Protein backbone atom coordinates (compact mmCIF):
# COMPACT_ATOMS: atom_id res chain seq x y z
CA UNK A 1 24.63 27.91 12.84
CA UNK A 2 26.02 30.77 10.70
CA UNK A 3 27.84 33.76 12.16
CA UNK A 4 24.96 36.04 11.06
CA UNK A 5 22.47 33.94 13.04
CA UNK A 6 24.79 33.94 16.04
CA UNK A 7 25.09 37.73 15.86
CA UNK A 8 21.32 38.06 15.64
CA UNK A 9 20.72 35.83 18.67
CA UNK A 10 23.42 37.66 20.65
CA UNK A 11 21.78 40.98 19.83
CA UNK A 12 18.36 39.70 20.92
CA UNK A 13 19.87 38.29 24.12
CA UNK A 14 21.50 41.59 25.04
CA UNK A 15 18.36 43.56 24.20
CA UNK A 16 16.20 41.32 26.35
CA UNK A 17 18.77 41.46 29.12
CA UNK A 18 18.36 45.24 29.21
CA UNK A 19 14.62 44.85 29.59
CA UNK A 20 13.57 45.98 26.10
CA UNK A 21 10.17 44.64 24.96
CA UNK A 22 10.10 42.16 22.10
CA UNK A 23 7.97 44.47 19.96
CA UNK A 24 10.67 47.16 20.06
CA UNK A 25 13.39 44.63 19.28
CA UNK A 26 11.38 43.29 16.35
CA UNK A 27 10.78 46.78 14.95
CA UNK A 28 14.47 47.66 15.16
CA UNK A 29 15.51 44.43 13.41
CA UNK A 30 12.97 45.02 10.64
CA UNK A 31 14.41 48.48 10.05
CA UNK A 32 17.87 46.91 9.91
CA UNK A 33 16.76 44.60 7.08
CA UNK A 34 16.22 41.29 8.85
CA UNK A 35 13.38 39.13 7.52
CA UNK A 36 10.29 38.33 9.58
CA UNK A 37 11.25 34.65 9.72
CA UNK A 38 14.74 35.36 11.00
CA UNK A 39 13.41 37.75 13.63
CA UNK A 40 10.74 35.31 14.80
CA UNK A 41 13.26 32.48 15.03
CA UNK A 42 15.67 34.57 17.08
CA UNK A 43 12.98 35.86 19.46
CA UNK A 44 11.58 32.36 19.92
CA UNK A 45 14.91 31.24 21.30
CA UNK A 46 13.96 32.91 24.58
CA UNK A 47 10.95 32.20 26.76
CA UNK A 48 8.45 34.86 27.85
CA UNK A 49 9.20 34.63 31.57
CA UNK A 50 9.49 37.30 34.25
CA UNK A 51 13.13 36.63 35.13
CA UNK A 52 16.08 39.01 35.59
CA UNK A 53 17.92 37.54 32.60
CA UNK A 54 16.61 36.01 29.31
CA UNK A 55 15.70 32.33 29.70
CA UNK A 56 16.60 30.27 26.61
CA UNK A 57 14.17 27.74 25.18
CA UNK A 58 15.25 24.16 24.42
CA UNK A 59 16.84 23.80 20.99
CA UNK A 60 15.80 21.25 18.36
CA UNK A 61 17.39 17.88 18.97
CA UNK A 62 17.82 14.48 17.35
CA UNK A 63 17.89 11.26 19.36
CA UNK A 64 18.02 7.64 18.12
CA UNK A 65 14.76 6.87 19.93
CA UNK A 66 12.95 9.75 18.24
CA UNK A 67 14.40 8.77 14.88
CA UNK A 68 13.14 5.19 15.27
CA UNK A 69 9.66 6.25 16.29
CA UNK A 70 9.17 8.79 13.50
CA UNK A 71 10.73 6.58 10.84
CA UNK A 72 8.36 3.76 11.86
CA UNK A 73 5.41 6.18 11.91
CA UNK A 74 6.01 7.59 8.44
CA UNK A 75 6.93 4.22 6.93
CA UNK A 76 3.62 2.83 8.18
CA UNK A 77 1.89 5.94 6.78
CA UNK A 78 3.39 5.48 3.31
CA UNK A 79 2.54 1.77 3.23
CA UNK A 80 -1.00 2.39 4.44
CA UNK A 81 -1.61 5.15 1.89
CA UNK A 82 -0.15 3.17 -1.02
CA UNK A 83 -2.02 -0.07 -0.32
CA UNK A 84 -5.29 1.69 0.51
CA UNK A 85 -5.03 3.28 -2.93
CA UNK A 86 -4.16 -0.09 -4.48
CA UNK A 87 -7.17 -1.71 -2.81
CA UNK A 88 -9.52 1.02 -4.03
CA UNK A 89 -8.02 0.77 -7.53
CA UNK A 90 -8.90 -2.93 -7.59
CA UNK A 91 -12.47 -2.19 -6.53
CA UNK A 92 -12.73 0.20 -9.47
CA UNK A 93 -11.42 -2.54 -11.79
CA UNK A 94 -14.03 -4.94 -10.44
CA UNK A 95 -16.84 -2.42 -10.85
CA UNK A 96 -15.72 -1.36 -14.33
CA UNK A 97 -13.86 -4.41 -15.69
CA UNK A 98 -11.23 -4.15 -18.37
CA UNK A 99 -11.39 -7.12 -20.81
CA UNK A 100 -7.58 -7.23 -20.86
CA UNK A 101 -7.35 -7.77 -17.06
CA UNK A 102 -7.70 -11.18 -15.42
CA UNK A 103 -9.75 -11.60 -12.24
CA UNK A 104 -6.99 -13.90 -10.99
CA UNK A 105 -4.47 -11.04 -10.87
CA UNK A 106 -7.01 -8.61 -9.40
CA UNK A 107 -7.73 -11.05 -6.56
CA UNK A 108 -4.02 -11.50 -5.99
CA UNK A 109 -3.50 -7.72 -5.77
CA UNK A 110 -6.42 -7.44 -3.34
CA UNK A 111 -4.88 -10.08 -1.07
CA UNK A 112 -1.52 -8.28 -0.98
CA UNK A 113 -3.08 -4.85 -0.44
CA UNK A 114 -5.37 -6.10 2.34
CA UNK A 115 -2.48 -7.94 4.02
CA UNK A 116 -0.27 -4.83 4.08
CA UNK A 117 -3.16 -2.63 5.24
CA UNK A 118 -4.12 -4.98 8.09
CA UNK A 119 -0.57 -4.76 9.48
CA UNK A 120 0.63 -1.26 8.52
CA UNK A 121 -2.42 0.80 9.44
CA UNK A 122 -2.68 -0.37 13.08
CA UNK A 123 1.07 0.30 13.44
CA UNK A 124 0.50 3.82 12.10
CA UNK A 125 -2.41 4.40 14.51
CA UNK A 126 -0.45 3.08 17.49
CA UNK A 127 2.64 5.17 16.75
CA UNK A 128 0.49 8.24 16.07
CA UNK A 129 -1.22 7.83 19.43
CA UNK A 130 2.06 7.40 21.34
CA UNK A 131 3.71 10.37 19.65
CA UNK A 132 0.63 12.57 19.98
CA UNK A 133 0.43 11.74 23.68
CA UNK A 134 4.08 12.69 24.18
CA UNK A 135 3.58 15.93 22.26
CA UNK A 136 0.67 16.82 24.53
CA UNK A 137 2.62 16.07 27.70
CA UNK A 138 5.88 17.73 26.73
CA UNK A 139 6.07 20.83 24.53
CA UNK A 140 9.79 20.33 23.79
CA UNK A 141 8.87 17.26 21.70
CA UNK A 142 7.77 19.69 18.99
CA UNK A 143 11.42 20.60 18.51
CA UNK A 144 12.41 17.15 17.25
CA UNK A 145 14.44 17.59 14.06
CA UNK A 146 13.48 14.20 12.63
CA UNK A 147 9.79 15.07 13.12
CA UNK A 148 10.11 18.29 11.17
CA UNK A 149 12.25 16.77 8.40
CA UNK A 150 9.96 13.80 7.84
CA UNK A 151 6.84 15.96 8.07
CA UNK A 152 8.09 18.38 5.42
CA UNK A 153 9.29 15.48 3.27
CA UNK A 154 5.81 13.97 3.52
CA UNK A 155 4.30 17.31 2.53
CA UNK A 156 6.61 17.40 -0.47
CA UNK A 157 5.75 13.86 -1.59
CA UNK A 158 2.02 14.44 -1.11
CA UNK A 159 2.21 17.75 -3.00
CA UNK A 160 3.99 16.00 -5.89
CA UNK A 161 1.22 13.39 -6.06
CA UNK A 162 -1.48 16.05 -6.01
CA UNK A 163 0.25 18.07 -8.74
CA UNK A 164 0.87 14.94 -10.84
CA UNK A 165 -2.73 13.88 -10.33
CA UNK A 166 -4.05 17.23 -11.55
CA UNK A 167 -1.66 17.29 -14.52
CA UNK A 168 -2.78 13.79 -15.55
CA UNK A 169 -6.41 14.80 -15.20
CA UNK A 170 -5.97 17.89 -17.37
CA UNK A 171 -3.89 15.99 -19.97
CA UNK A 172 -6.50 13.26 -20.40
CA UNK A 173 -9.35 15.76 -20.36
CA UNK A 174 -7.73 17.68 -23.22
CA UNK A 175 -7.36 14.41 -25.12
CA UNK A 176 -10.96 13.37 -24.52
CA UNK A 177 -9.88 10.22 -22.62
CA UNK A 178 -11.73 10.65 -19.31
CA UNK A 179 -13.26 7.21 -18.80
CA UNK A 180 -15.14 6.44 -15.60
CA UNK A 181 -12.47 3.98 -14.46
CA UNK A 182 -9.68 6.46 -15.06
CA UNK A 183 -11.56 9.35 -13.43
CA UNK A 184 -12.26 7.32 -10.28
CA UNK A 185 -8.60 6.35 -9.94
CA UNK A 186 -7.54 9.97 -10.33
CA UNK A 187 -10.05 10.91 -7.62
CA UNK A 188 -8.65 8.22 -5.30
CA UNK A 189 -5.06 9.41 -5.68
CA UNK A 190 -6.09 13.03 -5.19
CA UNK A 191 -8.17 12.24 -2.10
CA UNK A 192 -5.44 10.22 -0.37
CA UNK A 193 -2.57 12.59 -1.22
CA UNK A 194 -4.69 15.66 -0.52
CA UNK A 195 -5.77 14.35 2.89
CA UNK A 196 -2.16 13.63 3.90
CA UNK A 197 -0.97 17.03 2.67
CA UNK A 198 -3.82 18.92 4.29
CA UNK A 199 -3.48 17.16 7.64
CA UNK A 200 0.27 17.61 8.07
CA UNK A 201 0.15 21.22 6.90
CA UNK A 202 -2.63 21.90 9.41
CA UNK A 203 -0.68 19.97 12.06
CA UNK A 204 2.42 22.10 11.55
CA UNK A 205 0.40 25.29 11.81
CA UNK A 206 -1.36 24.14 14.96
CA UNK A 207 1.76 23.88 17.07
CA UNK A 208 -0.16 24.64 20.26
CA UNK A 209 -1.03 21.00 20.85
CA UNK A 210 -2.23 21.65 24.35
CA UNK A 211 -5.36 23.20 22.89
CA UNK A 212 -8.25 20.77 23.09
CA UNK A 213 -9.59 21.76 19.69
CA UNK A 214 -6.53 20.59 17.83
CA UNK A 215 -6.40 17.24 19.58
CA UNK A 216 -10.15 16.74 19.01
CA UNK A 217 -9.66 17.47 15.30
CA UNK A 218 -6.94 14.84 15.11
CA UNK A 219 -9.21 12.26 16.73
CA UNK A 220 -12.09 13.02 14.36
CA UNK A 221 -9.85 12.71 11.33
CA UNK A 222 -8.44 9.42 12.66
CA UNK A 223 -11.97 8.08 13.10
CA UNK A 224 -12.98 9.10 9.56
CA UNK A 225 -9.86 7.59 7.96
CA UNK A 226 -10.23 4.42 10.05
CA UNK A 227 -13.82 4.08 8.85
CA UNK A 228 -12.62 4.27 5.23
CA UNK A 229 -9.89 1.67 5.88
CA UNK A 230 -12.32 -0.70 7.64
CA UNK A 231 -14.82 -0.34 4.79
CA UNK A 232 -12.06 -1.06 2.25
CA UNK A 233 -10.98 -4.17 4.16
CA UNK A 234 -14.59 -5.33 4.42
CA UNK A 235 -14.87 -4.90 0.65
CA UNK A 236 -11.69 -6.94 0.19
CA UNK A 237 -13.07 -9.83 2.26
CA UNK A 238 -16.35 -9.64 0.35
CA UNK A 239 -14.55 -9.71 -3.02
CA UNK A 240 -12.19 -12.53 -2.06
CA UNK A 241 -14.57 -14.67 -0.04
CA UNK A 242 -13.66 -16.60 3.07
CA UNK A 243 -10.18 -18.11 3.65
CA UNK A 244 -11.77 -21.51 3.00
CA UNK A 245 -13.03 -20.27 -0.36
CA UNK A 246 -9.57 -18.98 -1.22
CA UNK A 247 -8.01 -22.31 -0.25
CA UNK A 248 -10.42 -24.12 -2.55
CA UNK A 249 -9.45 -21.75 -5.38
CA UNK A 250 -5.74 -22.44 -4.79
CA UNK A 251 -6.35 -26.21 -4.75
CA UNK A 252 -8.30 -26.03 -8.01
CA UNK A 253 -5.47 -24.01 -9.59
CA UNK A 254 -3.05 -26.72 -8.45
CA UNK A 255 -5.27 -29.40 -10.02
CA UNK A 256 -5.33 -27.54 -13.33
CA UNK A 257 -1.55 -27.18 -13.26
CA UNK A 258 -1.16 -30.88 -12.47
CA UNK A 259 -3.36 -31.85 -15.41
CA UNK A 260 -1.27 -29.62 -17.67
CA UNK A 261 1.94 -31.26 -16.47
CA UNK A 262 0.44 -34.73 -16.90
CA UNK A 263 -0.65 -33.89 -20.44
CA UNK A 264 2.87 -32.72 -21.32
CA UNK A 265 4.42 -35.92 -19.91
CA UNK A 266 1.89 -38.14 -21.70
CA UNK A 267 2.61 -36.51 -25.05
CA UNK A 268 6.38 -36.65 -24.54
CA UNK A 269 6.00 -40.37 -23.90
CA UNK A 270 3.75 -40.75 -26.96
CA UNK A 271 6.26 -38.93 -29.16
CA UNK A 272 9.15 -41.10 -28.02
CA UNK A 273 7.23 -44.40 -28.06
CA UNK A 274 4.96 -43.77 -31.02
CA UNK A 275 1.73 -44.31 -29.07
CA UNK A 276 -0.18 -42.97 -26.12
CA UNK A 277 0.53 -44.80 -22.84
CA UNK A 278 -2.09 -47.39 -21.79
CA UNK A 279 -1.98 -46.12 -18.17
CA UNK A 280 -0.22 -43.43 -16.11
CA UNK A 281 2.04 -45.86 -14.27
CA UNK A 282 4.00 -46.31 -17.51
CA UNK A 283 5.24 -42.73 -17.20
CA UNK A 284 7.05 -43.36 -13.90
CA UNK A 285 9.51 -45.85 -15.43
CA UNK A 286 11.11 -43.22 -17.61
CA UNK A 287 10.83 -40.16 -15.35
CA UNK A 288 12.43 -39.29 -12.03
CA UNK A 289 9.43 -37.17 -10.98
CA UNK A 290 6.43 -38.89 -9.38
CA UNK A 291 3.04 -38.68 -11.05
CA UNK A 292 1.11 -35.80 -9.43
CA UNK A 293 -1.97 -36.59 -7.37
CA UNK A 294 -4.83 -34.52 -5.97
CA UNK A 295 -3.26 -31.97 -3.56
CA UNK A 296 -6.10 -32.30 -1.04
CA UNK A 297 -7.07 -35.99 -1.04
CA UNK A 298 -3.88 -37.46 -2.55
CA UNK A 299 -6.11 -39.49 -4.88
CA UNK A 300 -4.62 -40.18 -8.33
CA UNK A 301 -5.96 -38.29 -11.31
CA UNK A 302 -8.03 -40.42 -13.66
CA UNK A 303 -6.59 -41.22 -17.10
CA UNK A 304 -8.70 -42.68 -19.93
CA UNK A 305 -7.36 -43.76 -23.31
CA UNK A 306 -10.14 -42.94 -25.79
CA UNK A 307 -8.42 -44.00 -29.03
CA UNK A 308 -5.03 -43.78 -30.71
CA UNK A 309 -5.21 -39.99 -30.87
CA UNK A 310 -7.34 -38.97 -27.92
CA UNK A 311 -7.21 -39.36 -24.15
CA UNK A 312 -8.93 -37.89 -21.13
CA UNK A 313 -7.67 -36.59 -17.78
CA UNK A 314 -10.16 -36.21 -14.93
CA UNK A 315 -10.05 -34.38 -11.58
CA UNK A 316 -12.51 -33.49 -8.84
CA UNK A 317 -12.78 -29.70 -8.43
CA UNK A 318 -14.07 -27.86 -5.37
CA UNK A 319 -15.43 -24.82 -7.24
CA UNK A 320 -16.46 -23.89 -10.79
CA UNK A 321 -13.83 -22.03 -12.78
CA UNK A 322 -14.09 -18.25 -12.99
CA UNK A 323 -14.73 -16.60 -16.34
CA UNK A 324 -11.60 -14.45 -16.02
CA UNK A 325 -9.27 -17.44 -15.83
CA UNK A 326 -9.41 -17.84 -19.61
CA UNK A 327 -5.99 -16.23 -20.06
CA UNK A 328 -4.40 -18.62 -17.59
CA UNK A 329 -5.98 -21.96 -18.61
CA UNK A 330 -7.04 -21.38 -22.17
CA UNK A 331 -10.59 -22.50 -22.98
CA UNK A 332 -10.73 -25.30 -20.40
CA UNK A 333 -13.61 -24.57 -18.05
CA UNK A 334 -14.79 -26.82 -15.26
CA UNK A 335 -17.76 -27.08 -12.96
CA UNK A 336 -17.59 -28.13 -9.34
CA UNK A 337 -17.16 -31.87 -8.89
CA UNK A 338 -15.63 -34.39 -11.28
CA UNK A 339 -14.61 -32.93 -14.63
CA UNK A 340 -12.90 -34.71 -17.53
CA UNK A 341 -10.92 -32.95 -20.28
CA UNK A 342 -10.29 -34.51 -23.66
CA UNK A 343 -6.83 -34.03 -25.19
CA UNK A 344 -5.71 -34.71 -28.75
CA UNK A 345 -2.31 -36.07 -29.65
CA UNK A 346 -1.75 -34.46 -33.08
CA UNK A 347 -0.89 -36.72 -36.03
CA UNK A 348 2.18 -34.53 -36.79
CA UNK A 349 3.75 -35.54 -33.47
CA UNK A 350 3.58 -39.26 -34.23
CA UNK A 351 6.69 -41.08 -35.39
């Protein structure tokens, strides 16, 4: 506290001690050149109570418990906001696909975003409820320094996102590059950042938390946001399918990787020996790694020697391959069930 602030508070204390009304004290301080904010802060240091001497209000404080609770609250808020936006971005990419993007990576992003949202958002709701309840029961909780610092920091971050969102929108509009996919993503960022900014600004201005209207507004906003989060998670489960479906996808990816490894080992053997191996067991004699088998049934993959330059590898797949896996597996597509792929050992690789 600066000496000027101390002098101001001492003046207010003495004036109140002599029984002068706050309106007269405020008018005198304004004439002396003090700002409205400084005057309000000094007057708010003392409660409006009928007592012979001025009664001071509690001062802002910082406790480890409060720091933990608010840090957890705002961390959960940031994670929830970021991954809700990420999830909605992926829905936009699914609705308006980009040929350069693989469905495999979109599904992976959806899984991560949904996982974070399932954990972080309930933590945010729980901490918000506990803190809001304490604020309602005890008015001195409003004086928490960590609450004010983190709230204003959140306002700053949200304002930066809103400003950046608008700048990006104007820039692309001037360049004639407002695609539907881009416009929807801009709208998502603006809606999330704008909601956070608007709520915490309104929350700071509604410091009288004992009023039922403010608390009812908080509950309605929580219900609306929760509905959006639940809808986004439902969309994620719809896009990904059941956990069993996802397991089948992972097993099929493993089978494709195994066939690729087998093909590389077969052709290394053929290059060193001058001919394709008659059977897979030949590969084990010159390699420390075991021959891969089906990850689900442990059945060996089928190997067929077609001729001196061609061979086949077969596996049993649970699901048909997705169209967007082309970038990962080349042109090798497969249906559900047994599928055989023909490989060519190029003449240039023969000894």
